Amino acid sequence: MIKPLADRVLVEPKEAETKTAAGLYIPDTAKEKPQQGTVLAVGPGKKDEPMEVKAGDVVLYGKYAGTEVTVDDKKYLIMKQSDIFAIL
């Protein structure tokens, strides 16, 4: 598994919605990039900035936050803790 360094966080993005509330299917070209995900791993933090998130937290982050990484055909995001807006 991936182990983040310093103040980095490994996030598994939530799947994009495939249906609207009315029951219409959304094509792949019109899907929004998810802005919510589950934290899988957390780095040790910096000495002047402790980590506030922990593995298992569901978080909200910016639309273009982090770097996308693919491991075993599964997509993850590695981002700084400061790219996370909130813990749900």
N, C-alpha and C. Protein backbone atom coordinates (compact mmCIF):
# COMPACT_ATOMS: atom_id res chain seq x y z
N MET A 1 0.84 -1.19 0.00
CA MET A 1 0.00 0.00 0.00
C MET A 1 0.88 1.24 0.00
N ILE A 2 0.31 2.34 -0.33
CA ILE A 2 1.02 3.62 -0.40
C ILE A 2 1.08 4.25 0.98
N LYS A 3 2.27 4.72 1.36
CA LYS A 3 2.43 5.40 2.65
C LYS A 3 2.81 6.85 2.38
N PRO A 4 1.91 7.80 2.67
CA PRO A 4 2.21 9.22 2.43
C PRO A 4 3.31 9.73 3.36
N LEU A 5 4.05 10.72 2.89
CA LEU A 5 5.10 11.34 3.68
C LEU A 5 4.68 12.73 4.14
N ALA A 6 5.32 13.20 5.20
CA ALA A 6 5.10 14.54 5.76
C ALA A 6 3.62 14.82 5.99
N ASP A 7 3.10 15.91 5.41
CA ASP A 7 1.70 16.30 5.65
C ASP A 7 0.79 15.85 4.51
N ARG A 8 1.15 14.78 3.84
CA ARG A 8 0.35 14.25 2.73
C ARG A 8 -0.69 13.24 3.23
N VAL A 9 -1.78 13.11 2.44
CA VAL A 9 -2.90 12.23 2.79
C VAL A 9 -3.27 11.43 1.54
N LEU A 10 -3.55 10.14 1.71
CA LEU A 10 -4.01 9.29 0.61
C LEU A 10 -5.52 9.17 0.72
N VAL A 11 -6.23 9.58 -0.35
CA VAL A 11 -7.69 9.61 -0.35
C VAL A 11 -8.23 8.74 -1.48
N GLU A 12 -9.26 7.96 -1.17
CA GLU A 12 -9.99 7.22 -2.20
C GLU A 12 -11.22 8.05 -2.56
N PRO A 13 -11.27 8.61 -3.78
CA PRO A 13 -12.40 9.46 -4.16
C PRO A 13 -13.70 8.66 -4.21
N LYS A 14 -14.78 9.33 -3.84
CA LYS A 14 -16.11 8.73 -3.93
C LYS A 14 -16.47 8.61 -5.41
N GLU A 15 -17.18 7.57 -5.76
CA GLU A 15 -17.59 7.37 -7.15
C GLU A 15 -18.52 8.50 -7.59
N ALA A 16 -18.37 8.93 -8.82
CA ALA A 16 -19.24 9.97 -9.38
C ALA A 16 -20.65 9.42 -9.53
N GLU A 17 -21.63 10.28 -9.34
CA GLU A 17 -23.03 9.88 -9.48
C GLU A 17 -23.32 9.44 -10.92
N THR A 18 -24.05 8.35 -11.08
CA THR A 18 -24.40 7.88 -12.42
C THR A 18 -25.85 8.19 -12.77
N LYS A 19 -26.64 8.60 -11.76
CA LYS A 19 -28.06 8.91 -11.96
C LYS A 19 -28.40 10.20 -11.25
N THR A 20 -29.34 10.94 -11.83
CA THR A 20 -29.83 12.14 -11.16
C THR A 20 -30.91 11.75 -10.16
N ALA A 21 -31.35 12.70 -9.35
CA ALA A 21 -32.41 12.43 -8.38
C ALA A 21 -33.71 12.03 -9.07
N ALA A 22 -33.90 12.51 -10.30
CA ALA A 22 -35.11 12.18 -11.06
C ALA A 22 -35.02 10.82 -11.76
N GLY A 23 -33.83 10.19 -11.70
CA GLY A 23 -33.67 8.86 -12.30
C GLY A 23 -33.04 8.86 -13.68
N LEU A 24 -32.58 10.00 -14.16
CA LEU A 24 -31.93 10.06 -15.47
C LEU A 24 -30.47 9.65 -15.34
N TYR A 25 -29.96 8.91 -16.31
CA TYR A 25 -28.57 8.49 -16.30
C TYR A 25 -27.67 9.59 -16.84
N ILE A 26 -26.54 9.80 -16.17
CA ILE A 26 -25.60 10.84 -16.56
C ILE A 26 -24.51 10.19 -17.41
N PRO A 27 -24.25 10.71 -18.63
CA PRO A 27 -23.18 10.13 -19.45
C PRO A 27 -21.81 10.46 -18.85
N ASP A 28 -20.80 9.66 -19.19
CA ASP A 28 -19.45 9.85 -18.65
C ASP A 28 -18.90 11.24 -18.94
N THR A 29 -19.24 11.80 -20.08
CA THR A 29 -18.71 13.12 -20.45
C THR A 29 -19.30 14.25 -19.61
N ALA A 30 -20.43 14.03 -18.97
CA ALA A 30 -21.09 15.09 -18.19
C ALA A 30 -20.91 14.91 -16.69
N LYS A 31 -20.23 13.85 -16.25
CA LYS A 31 -20.06 13.62 -14.82
C LYS A 31 -19.12 14.64 -14.20
N GLU A 32 -19.47 15.08 -13.01
CA GLU A 32 -18.63 15.99 -12.24
C GLU A 32 -17.52 15.21 -11.56
N LYS A 33 -16.37 15.82 -11.42
CA LYS A 33 -15.27 15.20 -10.69
C LYS A 33 -15.65 15.20 -9.20
N PRO A 34 -15.54 14.04 -8.53
CA PRO A 34 -15.96 14.00 -7.11
C PRO A 34 -15.09 14.90 -6.24
N GLN A 35 -15.70 15.47 -5.21
CA GLN A 35 -14.98 16.33 -4.28
C GLN A 35 -15.08 15.78 -2.86
N GLN A 36 -15.38 14.51 -2.75
CA GLN A 36 -15.52 13.86 -1.46
C GLN A 36 -14.84 12.50 -1.55
N GLY A 37 -14.23 12.08 -0.45
CA GLY A 37 -13.56 10.79 -0.45
C GLY A 37 -13.25 10.32 0.96
N THR A 38 -12.69 9.12 1.04
CA THR A 38 -12.34 8.52 2.32
C THR A 38 -10.83 8.49 2.46
N VAL A 39 -10.33 8.93 3.60
CA VAL A 39 -8.90 8.92 3.88
C VAL A 39 -8.47 7.48 4.16
N LEU A 40 -7.46 7.00 3.41
CA LEU A 40 -6.95 5.65 3.60
C LEU A 40 -5.67 5.61 4.43
N ALA A 41 -4.82 6.62 4.24
CA ALA A 41 -3.55 6.67 4.98
C ALA A 41 -3.15 8.12 5.18
N VAL A 42 -2.41 8.37 6.25
CA VAL A 42 -2.00 9.72 6.62
C VAL A 42 -0.51 9.70 6.94
N GLY A 43 0.21 10.73 6.47
CA GLY A 43 1.62 10.87 6.79
C GLY A 43 1.81 11.29 8.25
N PRO A 44 3.05 11.31 8.72
CA PRO A 44 3.31 11.65 10.12
C PRO A 44 3.11 13.12 10.46
N GLY A 45 3.01 13.98 9.46
CA GLY A 45 2.84 15.41 9.71
C GLY A 45 4.17 16.12 9.81
N LYS A 46 4.13 17.41 10.00
CA LYS A 46 5.33 18.21 10.20
C LYS A 46 5.42 18.57 11.67
N LYS A 47 6.61 18.89 12.14
CA LYS A 47 6.75 19.16 13.58
C LYS A 47 5.98 20.40 14.02
N ASP A 48 5.77 21.36 13.12
CA ASP A 48 5.01 22.55 13.48
C ASP A 48 3.55 22.49 13.04
N GLU A 49 3.15 21.38 12.39
CA GLU A 49 1.78 21.23 11.91
C GLU A 49 1.32 19.78 12.09
N PRO A 50 0.64 19.46 13.20
CA PRO A 50 0.19 18.08 13.42
C PRO A 50 -0.96 17.73 12.47
N MET A 51 -1.12 16.45 12.21
CA MET A 51 -2.18 15.98 11.33
C MET A 51 -3.52 15.99 12.06
N GLU A 52 -4.54 16.55 11.42
CA GLU A 52 -5.88 16.61 12.01
C GLU A 52 -6.78 15.51 11.47
N VAL A 53 -6.47 14.99 10.28
CA VAL A 53 -7.29 13.92 9.71
C VAL A 53 -6.65 12.58 10.04
N LYS A 54 -7.48 11.54 10.03
CA LYS A 54 -6.96 10.19 10.31
C LYS A 54 -7.61 9.22 9.33
N ALA A 55 -7.04 8.05 9.21
CA ALA A 55 -7.58 7.03 8.30
C ALA A 55 -9.03 6.74 8.67
N GLY A 56 -9.88 6.64 7.66
CA GLY A 56 -11.30 6.37 7.87
C GLY A 56 -12.18 7.61 7.82
N ASP A 57 -11.59 8.80 7.93
CA ASP A 57 -12.37 10.04 7.86
C ASP A 57 -12.91 10.25 6.44
N VAL A 58 -14.13 10.75 6.33
CA VAL A 58 -14.69 11.16 5.04
C VAL A 58 -14.48 12.66 4.95
N VAL A 59 -13.84 13.10 3.86
CA VAL A 59 -13.44 14.50 3.75
C VAL A 59 -13.94 15.15 2.46
N LEU A 60 -14.01 16.48 2.50
CA LEU A 60 -14.31 17.30 1.32
C LEU A 60 -13.02 18.00 0.91
N TYR A 61 -12.74 18.03 -0.39
CA TYR A 61 -11.52 18.67 -0.87
C TYR A 61 -11.81 19.44 -2.15
N GLY A 62 -10.86 20.25 -2.58
CA GLY A 62 -11.04 21.07 -3.77
C GLY A 62 -11.15 20.24 -5.04
N LYS A 63 -11.82 20.81 -6.03
CA LYS A 63 -12.08 20.09 -7.29
C LYS A 63 -10.79 19.64 -7.98
N TYR A 64 -9.75 20.44 -7.92
CA TYR A 64 -8.49 20.11 -8.60
C TYR A 64 -7.37 19.80 -7.62
N ALA A 65 -7.73 19.40 -6.40
CA ALA A 65 -6.73 19.12 -5.37
C ALA A 65 -6.05 17.78 -5.60
N GLY A 66 -4.81 17.72 -5.21
CA GLY A 66 -4.09 16.45 -5.20
C GLY A 66 -3.59 15.98 -6.55
N THR A 67 -2.87 14.86 -6.48
CA THR A 67 -2.32 14.21 -7.65
C THR A 67 -2.95 12.83 -7.76
N GLU A 68 -3.47 12.51 -8.93
CA GLU A 68 -4.12 11.22 -9.13
C GLU A 68 -3.06 10.14 -9.35
N VAL A 69 -3.22 9.02 -8.64
CA VAL A 69 -2.31 7.89 -8.74
C VAL A 69 -3.15 6.64 -8.96
N THR A 70 -2.69 5.75 -9.85
CA THR A 70 -3.40 4.50 -10.09
C THR A 70 -2.54 3.33 -9.62
N VAL A 71 -3.11 2.51 -8.75
CA VAL A 71 -2.43 1.31 -8.24
C VAL A 71 -3.40 0.15 -8.38
N ASP A 72 -2.99 -0.92 -9.07
CA ASP A 72 -3.83 -2.09 -9.29
C ASP A 72 -5.19 -1.70 -9.88
N ASP A 73 -5.18 -0.85 -10.89
CA ASP A 73 -6.39 -0.40 -11.59
C ASP A 73 -7.37 0.35 -10.69
N LYS A 74 -6.92 0.86 -9.58
CA LYS A 74 -7.77 1.63 -8.67
C LYS A 74 -7.17 3.04 -8.55
N LYS A 75 -8.03 4.07 -8.63
CA LYS A 75 -7.54 5.45 -8.60
C LYS A 75 -7.59 6.03 -7.19
N TYR A 76 -6.52 6.71 -6.81
CA TYR A 76 -6.39 7.37 -5.52
C TYR A 76 -5.90 8.79 -5.75
N LEU A 77 -6.03 9.63 -4.72
CA LEU A 77 -5.48 10.98 -4.73
C LEU A 77 -4.50 11.11 -3.58
N ILE A 78 -3.36 11.73 -3.86
CA ILE A 78 -2.42 12.10 -2.80
C ILE A 78 -2.45 13.62 -2.74
N MET A 79 -2.77 14.16 -1.58
CA MET A 79 -2.87 15.61 -1.44
C MET A 79 -2.32 16.06 -0.09
N LYS A 80 -2.03 17.34 0.01
CA LYS A 80 -1.61 17.91 1.28
C LYS A 80 -2.83 18.04 2.18
N GLN A 81 -2.60 18.00 3.48
CA GLN A 81 -3.69 18.18 4.44
C GLN A 81 -4.38 19.53 4.24
N SER A 82 -3.61 20.53 3.82
CA SER A 82 -4.19 21.87 3.63
C SER A 82 -5.15 21.94 2.44
N ASP A 83 -5.14 20.92 1.55
CA ASP A 83 -6.09 20.88 0.43
C ASP A 83 -7.46 20.37 0.87
N ILE A 84 -7.56 19.85 2.08
CA ILE A 84 -8.82 19.33 2.60
C ILE A 84 -9.59 20.47 3.26
N PHE A 85 -10.86 20.61 2.87
CA PHE A 85 -11.68 21.70 3.40
C PHE A 85 -12.39 21.32 4.70
N ALA A 86 -12.88 20.07 4.79
CA ALA A 86 -13.68 19.70 5.96
C ALA A 86 -13.68 18.19 6.14
N ILE A 87 -13.94 17.78 7.38
CA ILE A 87 -14.16 16.37 7.72
C ILE A 87 -15.66 16.21 7.95
N LEU A 88 -16.26 15.25 7.27
CA LEU A 88 -17.71 15.04 7.43
C LEU A 88 -18.02 14.10 8.57
